[in-house]
Amino acid sequence: MKIALVHDYLVQYGGAERVLEAFCEMFPNAPIYTMVYDEKLTNGAFKGHTIHTSFLQKVPLVSSHHRAYPLLMPVAIEQFDLSAYDLVLSDSNSFAKGVLTNPNTLHITYCHTPMRYAWDDCHRHIREFKYSKITKKLLPFGINYLRLWDKISSDRPDIYIANSKFVASRIKKYYNQEATIINPPVSSDNFEISDKIEDYYLIVGRALPYKRFDIVIAAFNEMGLPLKIIGKGPETEKLKKMSQKNIEFLGYLSDKETSKYYSRCKALIFPSEEDFGITPLEAMASGRPVIAYKGGGAVETVIDNETGIFFKEQSSASVMEAVKRFDQKKFDPEKIRRHALGFDKNLFKKKMNDFINKEYENFKNNR
């Protein structure tokens, strides 16, 4: 069986890229098709793999400014010729599911989310990102084109896999497609329980507006408790300006360094509504509880009062109330880690392999 892997663009190393990494371990000889690739920005995770890129790869500074070219991406993803493959496995946040395949090719897409800025997040996307007034007036016309393309291309995969129940419901609403749920993996072997818990709370992730780091910072400014933030993003400088001395920005750290901070924190704060969210599982794999906003994928991974607690509103007051409530509770690190092991990468690969083999056999028998 000849297999090709398809990914939107490889210019960062986050949850979606960790899923692709697992696919590469499952199918080490499968080439990767992606619109743009930067080895450095992906921490060399895909070095040694055969990688095919689109014409966008030749655009100057595209790795750091790829979000400026969304109207070219439908053309870029459709240029790949995948006719030689029996199975195409796309790993999609936006465009990868839109590749063109022939009738003899089974296309399974692992969908992290329907294209958010084309659907329910389009108004927030325009409002929060720093566009000029003229661009903001013109942007809805471009988004309308992307929405139409996204809807049309949603019929191209033969089978959908969703990373969470939350995403499966969005796939049903916007694409009218059913999806099998297989949660993303956590590399639990990279994390361990520490017997040295320090007096700080932790945030891990890219500083983007929708992540709502601002409400956590406002809460910790008020409470004066130690907070450490791992990661960078467009909001970093703004967040630094609003932070008091009890809040420390650590920037990008290696996975090994990050795992140490996970294992020693009092709790991870997770204030965003994510399609799934891998950082809560990484914290739990380290035996540490999570204080999470009760929305999105977190409600499928955090067990209230057992592996963490929830707050109901994305506000600093709600965060403060949750932290005070958290301080009155005790959590069992071993129990928390056991829960996280249910999302281990090896289990993910087995579930994916079993599912793919079953669906490919059905596909062949029905040809």
Protein backbone atom coordinates (compact mmCIF):
# COMPACT_ATOMS: atom_id res chain seq x y z
CA MET A 1 0.00 0.00 0.00
CA LYS A 2 1.51 3.33 -1.10
CA ILE A 3 0.78 6.05 1.43
CA ALA A 4 1.16 9.83 1.32
CA LEU A 5 0.88 12.19 4.29
CA VAL A 6 -0.51 15.72 3.81
CA HIS A 7 -0.16 18.61 6.27
CA ASP A 8 -1.23 22.27 5.95
CA TYR A 9 2.16 23.91 6.49
CA LEU A 10 5.18 22.96 8.58
CA VAL A 11 6.31 26.27 10.06
CA GLN A 12 5.80 25.58 13.76
CA TYR A 13 5.86 22.66 16.18
CA GLY A 14 2.58 22.32 18.00
CA GLY A 15 -0.15 19.78 18.61
CA ALA A 16 -0.94 19.17 14.93
CA GLU A 17 2.75 18.61 14.15
CA ARG A 18 2.98 16.08 16.97
CA VAL A 19 0.14 14.17 15.34
CA LEU A 20 2.00 14.24 12.02
CA GLU A 21 5.11 13.04 13.85
CA ALA A 22 3.14 10.02 15.09
CA PHE A 23 1.95 9.35 11.51
CA CYS A 24 5.58 9.46 10.36
CA GLU A 25 6.44 6.85 12.98
CA MET A 26 3.59 4.67 11.73
CA PHE A 27 4.52 5.12 8.07
CA PRO A 28 8.23 6.00 7.98
CA ASN A 29 8.51 5.66 4.20
CA ALA A 30 5.50 7.86 3.41
CA PRO A 31 6.37 11.25 1.86
CA ILE A 32 4.93 14.44 3.33
CA TYR A 33 3.13 16.96 1.14
CA THR A 34 2.84 20.42 2.68
CA MET A 35 2.49 23.95 1.31
CA VAL A 36 5.45 25.44 3.21
CA TYR A 37 8.26 23.83 5.22
CA ASP A 38 10.86 25.27 7.58
CA GLU A 39 13.14 22.74 9.26
CA LYS A 40 14.27 25.17 11.96
CA LEU A 41 10.77 26.27 12.98
CA THR A 42 9.70 22.62 13.34
CA ASN A 43 12.69 21.83 15.58
CA GLY A 44 14.05 19.40 13.00
CA ALA A 45 11.25 16.94 13.83
CA PHE A 46 10.79 15.95 10.18
CA LYS A 47 14.43 16.00 9.10
CA GLY A 48 15.23 13.00 6.92
CA HIS A 49 11.69 12.61 5.59
CA THR A 50 10.84 13.20 1.94
CA ILE A 51 8.94 16.49 1.90
CA HIS A 52 7.18 18.00 -1.13
CA THR A 53 6.26 21.69 -0.95
CA SER A 54 4.11 23.98 -3.08
CA PHE A 55 4.99 27.10 -5.08
CA LEU A 56 4.51 29.11 -1.87
CA GLN A 57 7.84 27.75 -0.64
CA LYS A 58 9.57 30.15 -3.05
CA VAL A 59 7.86 33.25 -1.67
CA PRO A 60 10.34 35.36 0.40
CA LEU A 61 9.79 35.22 4.17
CA VAL A 62 6.83 32.88 3.72
CA SER A 63 7.71 30.78 6.78
CA SER A 64 7.13 33.69 9.14
CA HIS A 65 4.36 35.35 7.10
CA HIS A 66 2.41 32.38 5.74
CA ARG A 67 -0.84 33.72 7.21
CA ALA A 68 -0.66 36.60 4.73
CA TYR A 69 -1.38 34.26 1.80
CA PRO A 70 -4.65 32.44 2.62
CA LEU A 71 -6.20 33.21 -0.78
CA LEU A 72 -3.32 31.39 -2.51
CA MET A 73 -3.50 28.32 -0.32
CA PRO A 74 -6.43 26.56 -2.05
CA VAL A 75 -4.43 26.68 -5.29
CA ALA A 76 -1.26 25.58 -3.50
CA ILE A 77 -2.83 22.52 -1.86
CA GLU A 78 -4.61 21.48 -5.07
CA GLN A 79 -1.38 21.44 -7.09
CA PHE A 80 -0.13 18.22 -5.52
CA ASP A 81 -0.44 15.14 -7.75
CA LEU A 82 -1.34 12.24 -5.45
CA SER A 83 -2.57 9.86 -8.16
CA ALA A 84 0.18 7.31 -7.44
CA TYR A 85 -1.02 6.57 -3.89
CA ASP A 86 -3.44 4.00 -2.50
CA LEU A 87 -4.01 5.94 0.71
CA VAL A 88 -3.76 9.64 1.47
CA LEU A 89 -3.78 10.55 5.15
CA SER A 90 -4.23 14.29 5.60
CA ASP A 91 -3.65 16.06 8.90
CA SER A 92 -5.72 19.21 8.61
CA ASN A 93 -6.46 22.43 10.45
CA SER A 94 -7.55 24.18 7.28
CA PHE A 95 -6.36 23.32 3.76
CA ALA A 96 -4.80 19.82 3.80
CA LYS A 97 -8.15 18.05 3.55
CA GLY A 98 -8.68 19.83 0.19
CA VAL A 99 -6.11 17.82 -1.78
CA LEU A 100 -7.36 16.19 -4.98
CA THR A 101 -7.33 12.39 -5.12
CA ASN A 102 -8.55 9.93 -7.73
CA PRO A 103 -11.38 7.39 -7.27
CA ASN A 104 -8.92 4.56 -6.55
CA THR A 105 -7.32 6.41 -3.63
CA LEU A 106 -8.76 6.31 -0.13
CA HIS A 107 -8.50 9.74 1.52
CA ILE A 108 -8.75 9.78 5.31
CA THR A 109 -8.47 13.16 6.98
CA TYR A 110 -7.55 13.67 10.62
CA CYS A 111 -9.38 16.94 11.20
CA HIS A 112 -8.16 19.12 14.05
CA THR A 113 -10.90 21.64 13.27
CA PRO A 114 -12.95 23.03 10.40
CA MET A 115 -11.24 26.22 9.20
CA ARG A 116 -11.96 28.44 12.19
CA TYR A 117 -11.45 31.84 10.58
CA ALA A 118 -13.89 30.90 7.80
CA TRP A 119 -16.70 29.89 10.14
CA ASP A 120 -17.52 30.63 13.79
CA ASP A 121 -14.31 32.57 14.51
CA CYS A 122 -14.35 34.82 11.44
CA HIS A 123 -15.64 37.92 13.28
CA ARG A 124 -13.20 37.48 16.15
CA HIS A 125 -10.36 36.90 13.68
CA ILE A 126 -11.05 40.24 11.97
CA ARG A 127 -11.54 42.04 15.29
CA GLU A 128 -8.50 40.73 17.17
CA PHE A 129 -5.76 40.67 14.55
CA LYS A 130 -3.86 43.84 13.66
CA TYR A 131 -5.10 44.74 10.21
CA SER A 132 -5.43 48.21 8.71
CA LYS A 133 -8.92 49.72 8.43
CA ILE A 134 -8.94 49.16 4.67
CA THR A 135 -7.87 45.53 5.07
CA LYS A 136 -10.58 44.94 7.67
CA LYS A 137 -13.20 46.23 5.22
CA LEU A 138 -11.93 44.01 2.41
CA LEU A 139 -11.22 40.93 4.53
CA PRO A 140 -14.83 39.65 4.69
CA PHE A 141 -14.85 39.25 0.89
CA GLY A 142 -11.71 37.08 1.05
CA ILE A 143 -13.10 35.08 3.94
CA ASN A 144 -16.31 34.49 1.99
CA TYR A 145 -14.24 32.96 -0.83
CA LEU A 146 -12.39 30.76 1.66
CA ARG A 147 -15.66 29.69 3.26
CA LEU A 148 -17.04 28.60 -0.11
CA TRP A 149 -13.83 26.73 -0.97
CA ASP A 150 -13.76 25.11 2.47
CA LYS A 151 -17.33 23.88 2.11
CA ILE A 152 -16.70 22.50 -1.39
CA SER A 153 -13.43 20.83 -0.37
CA SER A 154 -15.06 19.25 2.69
CA ASP A 155 -16.58 16.64 0.36
CA ARG A 156 -13.18 15.46 -0.87
CA PRO A 157 -12.11 13.20 2.01
CA ASP A 158 -13.74 9.78 2.08
CA ILE A 159 -13.52 9.50 5.86
CA TYR A 160 -13.24 12.00 8.72
CA ILE A 161 -11.48 11.48 12.02
CA ALA A 162 -12.01 14.21 14.63
CA ASN A 163 -9.60 14.93 17.45
CA SER A 164 -12.43 15.50 19.96
CA LYS A 165 -16.21 15.41 20.41
CA PHE A 166 -16.12 19.20 20.28
CA VAL A 167 -14.55 19.14 16.81
CA ALA A 168 -16.81 16.31 15.63
CA SER A 169 -19.82 18.52 16.40
CA ARG A 170 -18.29 21.35 14.35
CA ILE A 171 -17.55 18.99 11.45
CA LYS A 172 -21.20 17.94 11.51
CA LYS A 173 -22.46 21.53 11.63
CA TYR A 174 -20.27 23.08 8.93
CA TYR A 175 -19.50 20.11 6.68
CA ASN A 176 -22.49 17.85 7.41
CA GLN A 177 -20.04 14.95 7.77
CA GLU A 178 -19.87 12.26 10.45
CA ALA A 179 -16.50 11.76 12.15
CA THR A 180 -14.89 9.02 14.21
CA ILE A 181 -13.20 10.42 17.32
CA ILE A 182 -9.57 9.50 18.04
CA ASN A 183 -7.93 11.88 20.50
CA PRO A 184 -4.43 13.23 19.76
CA PRO A 185 -1.42 11.64 21.47
CA VAL A 186 0.70 12.72 24.39
CA SER A 187 4.25 11.36 24.58
CA SER A 188 3.88 10.36 28.23
CA ASP A 189 7.40 8.92 28.41
CA ASN A 190 8.72 12.49 28.14
CA PHE A 191 7.05 13.46 31.41
CA GLU A 192 7.39 12.27 34.97
CA ILE A 193 6.19 13.04 38.47
CA SER A 194 8.53 15.17 40.58
CA ASP A 195 8.81 15.08 44.34
CA LYS A 196 9.78 18.76 44.31
CA ILE A 197 6.71 20.96 43.80
CA GLU A 198 7.49 24.67 43.72
CA ASP A 199 5.28 27.65 44.48
CA TYR A 200 4.34 28.79 40.96
CA TYR A 201 1.53 28.35 38.47
CA LEU A 202 2.24 27.75 34.80
CA ILE A 203 0.96 28.68 31.32
CA VAL A 204 2.35 26.93 28.22
CA GLY A 205 1.53 27.94 24.65
CA ARG A 206 1.71 30.56 21.92
CA ALA A 207 0.68 34.04 23.00
CA LEU A 208 -2.28 34.59 20.67
CA PRO A 209 -5.38 36.71 21.42
CA TYR A 210 -7.82 33.78 21.63
CA LYS A 211 -5.60 31.97 24.15
CA ARG A 212 -6.73 34.54 26.75
CA PHE A 213 -3.45 34.74 28.65
CA ASP A 214 -4.53 38.31 29.44
CA ILE A 215 -7.22 37.24 31.90
CA VAL A 216 -4.77 35.01 33.77
CA ILE A 217 -2.20 37.80 33.97
CA ALA A 218 -4.84 40.24 35.25
CA ALA A 219 -5.87 37.70 37.89
CA PHE A 220 -2.29 37.03 39.02
CA ASN A 221 -1.52 40.76 39.06
CA GLU A 222 -4.37 41.07 41.55
CA MET A 223 -3.42 38.02 43.64
CA GLY A 224 0.35 38.58 43.53
CA LEU A 225 1.04 34.84 43.11
CA PRO A 226 3.99 33.54 41.04
CA LEU A 227 3.13 32.75 37.43
CA LYS A 228 5.53 31.46 34.75
CA ILE A 229 4.71 31.60 31.03
CA ILE A 230 6.44 29.34 28.50
CA GLY A 231 6.13 30.26 24.83
CA LYS A 232 6.00 33.34 22.64
CA GLY A 233 3.63 34.90 20.15
CA PRO A 234 2.23 38.14 18.72
CA GLU A 235 0.79 39.11 22.12
CA THR A 236 3.99 38.60 24.14
CA GLU A 237 5.13 42.23 24.31
CA LYS A 238 1.64 43.46 25.12
CA LEU A 239 1.32 40.86 27.89
CA LYS A 240 4.72 41.77 29.33
CA LYS A 241 3.69 45.42 29.58
CA MET A 242 0.59 44.56 31.59
CA SER A 243 2.42 42.12 33.93
CA GLN A 244 3.76 42.80 37.41
CA LYS A 245 7.01 41.38 38.86
CA ASN A 246 5.40 38.15 40.06
CA ILE A 247 4.92 37.07 36.42
CA GLU A 248 7.90 35.62 34.54
CA PHE A 249 8.14 35.10 30.77
CA LEU A 250 10.45 32.19 29.94
CA GLY A 251 10.07 32.29 26.14
CA TYR A 252 10.55 29.17 24.04
CA LEU A 253 12.06 26.23 25.91
CA SER A 254 13.06 22.74 24.80
CA ASP A 255 10.66 19.88 25.48
CA LYS A 256 13.01 18.63 28.20
CA GLU A 257 13.11 22.02 29.95
CA THR A 258 9.34 22.43 29.61
CA SER A 259 8.70 19.00 31.14
CA LYS A 260 10.70 20.05 34.23
CA TYR A 261 8.50 23.13 34.69
CA TYR A 262 5.37 21.00 34.22
CA SER A 263 6.45 18.54 36.90
CA ARG A 264 7.22 21.21 39.51
CA CYS A 265 4.33 23.65 39.07
CA LYS A 266 1.41 23.87 41.46
CA ALA A 267 -0.97 23.69 38.50
CA LEU A 268 -1.23 24.47 34.81
CA ILE A 269 -3.63 27.32 33.94
CA PHE A 270 -5.50 26.69 30.69
CA PRO A 271 -7.80 29.64 29.91
CA SER A 272 -8.59 29.11 26.20
CA GLU A 273 -11.33 27.26 24.34
CA GLU A 274 -9.30 24.82 22.24
CA ASP A 275 -10.37 22.19 19.76
CA PHE A 276 -8.55 19.68 21.97
CA GLY A 277 -5.55 21.10 23.82
CA ILE A 278 -2.44 19.00 24.40
CA THR A 279 -0.83 21.03 27.19
CA PRO A 280 -3.33 19.92 29.88
CA LEU A 281 -2.43 16.30 29.09
CA GLU A 282 1.28 17.07 29.24
CA ALA A 283 0.78 18.62 32.68
CA MET A 284 -1.32 15.66 33.80
CA ALA A 285 1.31 13.22 32.46
CA SER A 286 3.62 15.04 34.90
CA GLY A 287 1.16 14.39 37.71
CA ARG A 288 0.10 18.02 37.96
CA PRO A 289 -3.52 19.24 38.08
CA VAL A 290 -5.05 21.68 35.60
CA ILE A 291 -7.16 24.79 36.20
CA ALA A 292 -9.06 25.05 32.92
CA TYR A 293 -11.79 27.07 31.26
CA LYS A 294 -14.83 24.83 30.95
CA GLY A 295 -15.12 24.77 27.18
CA GLY A 296 -13.78 23.05 24.08
CA GLY A 297 -11.60 19.97 24.32
CA ALA A 298 -10.59 20.50 27.96
CA VAL A 299 -13.91 19.11 29.18
CA GLU A 300 -12.95 15.82 27.49
CA THR A 301 -9.54 15.53 29.14
CA VAL A 302 -9.79 17.16 32.57
CA ILE A 303 -11.85 15.39 35.25
CA ASP A 304 -13.31 17.98 37.59
CA ASN A 305 -12.03 17.65 41.17
CA GLU A 306 -9.88 14.63 40.22
CA THR A 307 -7.31 15.83 37.70
CA GLY A 308 -8.09 19.52 37.99
CA ILE A 309 -10.90 22.06 38.29
CA PHE A 310 -12.84 24.27 35.87
CA PHE A 311 -13.80 27.92 35.77
CA LYS A 312 -16.95 28.87 33.84
CA GLU A 313 -16.15 32.32 32.44
CA GLN A 314 -13.15 33.68 30.54
CA SER A 315 -12.61 36.50 33.02
CA SER A 316 -9.97 37.39 35.58
CA ALA A 317 -12.55 37.16 38.37
CA SER A 318 -13.43 33.61 37.35
CA VAL A 319 -9.72 32.67 37.25
CA MET A 320 -9.14 34.12 40.73
CA GLU A 321 -12.11 32.25 42.14
CA ALA A 322 -10.84 28.99 40.63
CA VAL A 323 -7.30 29.47 42.01
CA LYS A 324 -8.69 30.12 45.50
CA ARG A 325 -10.88 27.02 45.21
CA PHE A 326 -7.91 25.01 43.93
CA ASP A 327 -5.82 25.94 46.99
CA GLN A 328 -8.38 24.25 49.23
CA LYS A 329 -8.13 20.89 47.42
CA LYS A 330 -5.66 18.02 47.33
CA PHE A 331 -4.84 16.01 44.21
CA ASP A 332 -3.16 12.63 43.76
CA PRO A 333 -0.26 12.92 41.26
CA GLU A 334 -0.23 9.19 40.53
CA LYS A 335 -3.96 9.18 39.78
CA ILE A 336 -3.58 12.23 37.53
CA ARG A 337 -0.76 10.59 35.55
CA ARG A 338 -2.70 7.32 35.17
CA HIS A 339 -5.51 9.32 33.57
CA ALA A 340 -3.10 10.95 31.11
CA LEU A 341 -1.69 7.55 30.12
CA GLY A 342 -5.04 6.83 28.49
CA PHE A 343 -3.99 9.31 25.78
CA ASP A 344 -0.49 7.87 25.26
CA LYS A 345 1.09 8.01 21.80
CA ASN A 346 1.39 4.23 21.54
CA LEU A 347 -2.36 3.85 22.14
CA PHE A 348 -3.02 6.56 19.56
CA LYS A 349 -0.91 4.79 16.94
CA LYS A 350 -2.64 1.47 17.61
CA LYS A 351 -6.11 3.03 17.32
CA MET A 352 -5.14 4.82 14.11
CA ASN A 353 -3.52 1.74 12.60
CA ASP A 354 -6.51 -0.48 13.38
CA PHE A 355 -8.92 2.12 12.00
CA ILE A 356 -6.94 2.70 8.79
CA ASN A 357 -6.52 -1.02 8.06
CA LYS A 358 -10.23 -1.66 8.59
CA GLU A 359 -11.33 1.25 6.40
CA TYR A 360 -8.84 0.46 3.66
CA GLU A 361 -10.01 -3.16 3.54
CA ASN A 362 -13.63 -2.00 3.27
CA PHE A 363 -12.63 0.46 0.55
CA LYS A 364 -10.90 -2.22 -1.52
CA ASN A 365 -13.76 -4.69 -1.12
CA ASN A 366 -16.27 -2.13 -2.36
CA ARG A 367 -14.34 -1.10 -5.48
